[in-house]
C-alpha atoms as a PDB file:
ATOM      1  CA  MET A   1      -4.122  37.119 -13.150  1.00  0.00           C
ATOM      2  CA  LYS A   2      -5.538  40.712 -12.543  1.00  0.00           C
ATOM      3  CA  ILE A   3      -5.829  41.362  -8.803  1.00  0.00           C
ATOM      4  CA  ASP A   4      -7.032  44.262  -6.596  1.00  0.00           C
ATOM      5  CA  ILE A   5      -6.221  45.158  -3.284  1.00  0.00           C
ATOM      6  CA  ARG A   6      -8.561  47.553  -1.144  1.00  0.00           C
ATOM      7  CA  PRO A   7      -9.913  48.301   1.960  1.00  0.00           C
ATOM      8  CA  ALA A   8     -12.308  45.851   3.492  1.00  0.00           C
ATOM      9  CA  VAL A   9     -15.922  46.269   3.573  1.00  0.00           C
ATOM     10  CA  VAL A  10     -18.616  45.019   5.894  1.00  0.00           C
ATOM     11  CA  ALA A  11     -19.854  42.479   3.443  1.00  0.00           C
ATOM     12  CA  ASP A  12     -15.956  40.921   3.640  1.00  0.00           C
ATOM     13  CA  ALA A  13     -16.183  40.547   7.748  1.00  0.00           C
ATOM     14  CA  TYR A  14     -16.902  36.643   7.764  1.00  0.00           C
ATOM     15  CA  PHE A  15     -14.443  35.975   5.145  1.00  0.00           C
ATOM     16  CA  ILE A  16     -11.913  37.601   6.873  1.00  0.00           C
ATOM     17  CA  LYS A  17     -12.467  35.929  10.079  1.00  0.00           C
ATOM     18  CA  ASN A  18     -12.681  32.567   8.201  1.00  0.00           C
ATOM     19  CA  LEU A  19      -9.800  33.250   6.657  1.00  0.00           C
ATOM     20  CA  ILE A  20      -7.628  34.005   9.669  1.00  0.00           C
ATOM     21  CA  ASN A  21      -9.009  31.212  11.505  1.00  0.00           C
ATOM     22  CA  ASP A  22      -8.082  28.539   9.262  1.00  0.00           C
ATOM     23  CA  GLN A  23      -4.779  29.571   9.229  1.00  0.00           C
ATOM     24  CA  ALA A  24      -5.030  29.650  12.927  1.00  0.00           C
ATOM     25  CA  LYS A  25      -5.989  26.181  13.301  1.00  0.00           C
ATOM     26  CA  LYS A  26      -2.715  25.466  11.655  1.00  0.00           C
ATOM     27  CA  GLY A  27      -0.844  27.275  14.215  1.00  0.00           C
ATOM     28  CA  LYS A  28       0.149  30.063  11.924  1.00  0.00           C
ATOM     29  CA  MET A  29      -1.673  32.856  13.560  1.00  0.00           C
ATOM     30  CA  LEU A  30      -3.944  33.669  16.450  1.00  0.00           C
ATOM     31  CA  PRO A  31      -7.830  32.879  16.090  1.00  0.00           C
ATOM     32  CA  VAL A  32     -10.023  36.187  15.991  1.00  0.00           C
ATOM     33  CA  SER A  33     -13.784  36.602  16.640  1.00  0.00           C
ATOM     34  CA  ILE A  34     -16.309  38.217  14.500  1.00  0.00           C
ATOM     35  CA  ASN A  35     -16.211  40.978  17.019  1.00  0.00           C
ATOM     36  CA  GLN A  36     -12.828  41.623  16.881  1.00  0.00           C
ATOM     37  CA  VAL A  37     -12.977  41.751  13.027  1.00  0.00           C
ATOM     38  CA  PHE A  38     -15.736  44.049  12.879  1.00  0.00           C
ATOM     39  CA  GLU A  39     -14.199  46.455  15.668  1.00  0.00           C
ATOM     40  CA  ASN A  40     -11.070  46.504  13.265  1.00  0.00           C
ATOM     41  CA  LEU A  41     -12.589  46.295   9.684  1.00  0.00           C
ATOM     42  CA  ARG A  42     -11.265  49.908   9.088  1.00  0.00           C
ATOM     43  CA  ASN A  43      -7.994  48.487   9.345  1.00  0.00           C
ATOM     44  CA  PHE A  44      -8.225  45.662   6.980  1.00  0.00           C
ATOM     45  CA  TRP A  45      -7.287  45.381   3.807  1.00  0.00           C
ATOM     46  CA  VAL A  46      -8.177  42.429   1.319  1.00  0.00           C
ATOM     47  CA  ILE A  47      -6.615  40.925  -2.237  1.00  0.00           C
ATOM     48  CA  CYS A  48      -9.094  39.857  -4.545  1.00  0.00           C
ATOM     49  CA  ASP A  49      -8.967  38.255  -8.018  1.00  0.00           C
ATOM     50  CA  LYS A  50     -10.612  39.552 -11.098  1.00  0.00           C
ATOM     51  CA  LYS A  51     -13.933  37.990 -10.050  1.00  0.00           C
ATOM     52  CA  GLY A  52     -13.949  39.766  -6.590  1.00  0.00           C
ATOM     53  CA  LYS A  53     -13.392  36.862  -4.714  1.00  0.00           C
ATOM     54  CA  ILE A  54     -11.261  37.486  -1.827  1.00  0.00           C
ATOM     55  CA  LEU A  55      -7.711  35.428  -1.686  1.00  0.00           C
ATOM     56  CA  GLY A  56      -6.262  37.254   1.384  1.00  0.00           C
ATOM     57  CA  CYS A  57      -6.375  40.056   4.082  1.00  0.00           C
ATOM     58  CA  GLY A  58      -4.063  41.941   6.352  1.00  0.00           C
ATOM     59  CA  CYS A  59      -4.663  44.391   9.041  1.00  0.00           C
ATOM     60  CA  LEU A  60      -2.682  47.780   9.504  1.00  0.00           C
ATOM     61  CA  LYS A  61      -3.253  48.787  13.506  1.00  0.00           C
ATOM     62  CA  ILE A  62      -1.837  52.227  14.605  1.00  0.00           C
ATOM     63  CA  VAL A  63      -0.989  51.570  18.095  1.00  0.00           C
ATOM     64  CA  TRP A  64       0.881  55.188  18.738  1.00  0.00           C
ATOM     65  CA  LYS A  65       1.825  58.467  17.302  1.00  0.00           C
ATOM     66  CA  ASP A  66       5.022  56.925  15.603  1.00  0.00           C
ATOM     67  CA  LEU A  67       4.313  52.655  15.994  1.00  0.00           C
ATOM     68  CA  GLY A  68       1.741  50.788  13.854  1.00  0.00           C
ATOM     69  CA  GLU A  69       1.049  46.854  13.639  1.00  0.00           C
ATOM     70  CA  ILE A  70       0.511  44.400  10.706  1.00  0.00           C
ATOM     71  CA  ARG A  71      -1.691  41.902  11.967  1.00  0.00           C
ATOM     72  CA  SER A  72      -3.889  39.331  10.860  1.00  0.00           C
ATOM     73  CA  LEU A  73      -1.916  38.550   7.432  1.00  0.00           C
ATOM     74  CA  ALA A  74      -3.535  35.569   5.901  1.00  0.00           C
ATOM     75  CA  ILE A  75      -3.503  33.789   2.550  1.00  0.00           C
ATOM     76  CA  LYS A  76      -6.276  31.295   1.104  1.00  0.00           C
ATOM     77  CA  ASN A  77      -4.364  27.909   1.557  1.00  0.00           C
ATOM     78  CA  SER A  78      -4.867  27.344  -2.618  1.00  0.00           C
ATOM     79  CA  LYS A  79      -3.310  30.721  -3.373  1.00  0.00           C
ATOM     80  CA  GLN A  80      -0.162  30.935  -0.594  1.00  0.00           C
ATOM     81  CA  LYS A  81       3.248  30.912  -2.325  1.00  0.00           C
ATOM     82  CA  LYS A  82       2.207  32.974  -5.297  1.00  0.00           C
ATOM     83  CA  GLY A  83       3.401  36.719  -4.200  1.00  0.00           C
ATOM     84  CA  TYR A  84      -0.043  37.616  -2.805  1.00  0.00           C
ATOM     85  CA  GLY A  85       1.161  38.076   1.062  1.00  0.00           C
ATOM     86  CA  SER A  86       3.954  40.098  -0.148  1.00  0.00           C
ATOM     87  CA  LEU A  87       1.648  42.489  -2.216  1.00  0.00           C
ATOM     88  CA  LEU A  88      -0.259  42.800   0.788  1.00  0.00           C
ATOM     89  CA  VAL A  89       2.314  43.656   3.268  1.00  0.00           C
ATOM     90  CA  GLU A  90       3.993  46.036   0.560  1.00  0.00           C
ATOM     91  CA  THR A  91       0.390  47.815   0.625  1.00  0.00           C
ATOM     92  CA  LEU A  92       0.142  47.833   4.292  1.00  0.00           C
ATOM     93  CA  LEU A  93       3.552  49.522   4.426  1.00  0.00           C
ATOM     94  CA  ASN A  94       2.929  51.595   2.019  1.00  0.00           C
ATOM     95  CA  GLU A  95      -0.160  53.056   3.746  1.00  0.00           C
ATOM     96  CA  ALA A  96       1.634  53.321   7.281  1.00  0.00           C
ATOM     97  CA  LYS A  97       4.093  55.620   5.421  1.00  0.00           C
ATOM     98  CA  LYS A  98       1.469  57.743   3.870  1.00  0.00           C
ATOM     99  CA  ILE A  99       0.071  58.471   7.470  1.00  0.00           C
ATOM    100  CA  GLY A 100       3.296  59.428   8.823  1.00  0.00           C
ATOM    101  CA  THR A 101       3.936  56.175  11.023  1.00  0.00           C
ATOM    102  CA  LYS A 102       7.806  56.010  11.718  1.00  0.00           C
ATOM    103  CA  LYS A 103       7.859  52.052  12.939  1.00  0.00           C
ATOM    104  CA  ILE A 104       6.016  48.991  12.075  1.00  0.00           C
ATOM    105  CA  PHE A 105       5.864  45.577  14.360  1.00  0.00           C
ATOM    106  CA  VAL A 106       4.603  42.307  13.833  1.00  0.00           C
ATOM    107  CA  LEU A 107       4.049  39.610  16.231  1.00  0.00           C
ATOM    108  CA  THR A 108       4.564  36.159  14.278  1.00  0.00           C
ATOM    109  CA  TYR A 109       5.336  32.589  13.894  1.00  0.00           C
ATOM    110  CA  VAL A 110       7.005  32.988  10.481  1.00  0.00           C
ATOM    111  CA  PRO A 111       9.717  35.172  11.207  1.00  0.00           C
ATOM    112  CA  GLU A 112      11.367  34.370   7.949  1.00  0.00           C
ATOM    113  CA  PHE A 113       8.458  36.115   5.579  1.00  0.00           C
ATOM    114  CA  PHE A 114       8.682  39.273   7.180  1.00  0.00           C
ATOM    115  CA  GLU A 115      12.594  39.489   7.206  1.00  0.00           C
ATOM    116  CA  LYS A 116      12.391  39.444   3.487  1.00  0.00           C
ATOM    117  CA  PHE A 117      10.797  42.943   4.083  1.00  0.00           C
ATOM    118  CA  GLY A 118      13.559  44.624   6.219  1.00  0.00           C
ATOM    119  CA  PHE A 119      11.959  43.219   9.579  1.00  0.00           C
ATOM    120  CA  VAL A 120      14.266  42.547  12.197  1.00  0.00           C
ATOM    121  CA  ARG A 121      13.729  40.506  15.666  1.00  0.00           C
ATOM    122  CA  ILE A 122      13.372  42.279  18.651  1.00  0.00           C
ATOM    123  CA  GLU A 123      12.931  41.740  22.627  1.00  0.00           C
ATOM    124  CA  LYS A 124       9.167  41.936  23.683  1.00  0.00           C
ATOM    125  CA  THR A 125      10.371  44.241  25.925  1.00  0.00           C
ATOM    126  CA  LYS A 126      11.282  46.802  22.949  1.00  0.00           C
ATOM    127  CA  LEU A 127       7.550  47.144  22.513  1.00  0.00           C
ATOM    128  CA  PRO A 128       5.386  50.005  24.818  1.00  0.00           C
ATOM    129  CA  HIS A 129       3.064  48.112  26.980  1.00  0.00           C
ATOM    130  CA  LYS A 130       0.027  49.469  25.433  1.00  0.00           C
ATOM    131  CA  ILE A 131       0.389  46.835  22.818  1.00  0.00           C
ATOM    132  CA  TRP A 132      -0.107  44.169  25.298  1.00  0.00           C
ATOM    133  CA  ILE A 133      -3.563  44.908  26.086  1.00  0.00           C
ATOM    134  CA  ASP A 134      -5.045  42.704  23.094  1.00  0.00           C
ATOM    135  CA  CYS A 135      -2.879  39.904  24.724  1.00  0.00           C
ATOM    136  CA  ILE A 136      -4.979  39.488  28.013  1.00  0.00           C
ATOM    137  CA  ASN A 137      -7.882  37.930  25.972  1.00  0.00           C
ATOM    138  CA  CYS A 138      -5.231  35.680  24.293  1.00  0.00           C
ATOM    139  CA  PRO A 139      -5.506  31.933  24.827  1.00  0.00           C
ATOM    140  CA  LYS A 140      -1.906  31.713  24.978  1.00  0.00           C
ATOM    141  CA  PHE A 141      -1.584  34.770  27.657  1.00  0.00           C
ATOM    142  CA  PRO A 142       0.717  35.174  29.509  1.00  0.00           C
ATOM    143  CA  ARG A 143       2.951  32.566  27.800  1.00  0.00           C
ATOM    144  CA  CYS A 144       3.439  34.271  24.271  1.00  0.00           C
ATOM    145  CA  ASP A 145       5.262  32.310  21.844  1.00  0.00           C
ATOM    146  CA  GLU A 146       5.046  34.453  18.908  1.00  0.00           C
ATOM    147  CA  ILE A 147       8.341  36.303  17.591  1.00  0.00           C
ATOM    148  CA  PRO A 148       8.284  40.196  17.595  1.00  0.00           C
ATOM    149  CA  MET A 149       9.853  42.083  14.872  1.00  0.00           C
ATOM    150  CA  LEU A 150      10.223  45.574  13.739  1.00  0.00           C
ATOM    151  CA  LYS A 151      10.713  47.699  10.578  1.00  0.00           C
ATOM    152  CA  LYS A 152      11.738  51.239  10.635  1.00  0.00           C
ATOM    153  CA  ILE A 153      10.094  53.225   7.961  1.00  0.00           C
END
């Protein structure tokens, strides 16, 4: 099947929100509001089928001069385990490399997936305090149970 990976556009926002929140209901990630999607829209990428239907999304957020985060990686339920998530991660890592980011981290509930790309588990204290700003609004704050992982690129 022919696929396309492209930066997200405004028309994608509600689909991105619904896709992420469907996975959040299953405990695979944290939910997002439509406001959060719009605020970060320029950081989102989507993977689409040949008809332009979105199959998944992922976000690359730059946190600091040498640090980025892959977040909100979600694939439509019926399209999981077909390599789409891997294609998105590879795209986001390539984008991070292009702009000069040296390290990428994730906070995840599925560390095994990210280990395939060379991410390693780290202590939360190894990440700068700046990243925890988003956590204040999280329903799980201050009892975060996501697993932090880091990859040098």
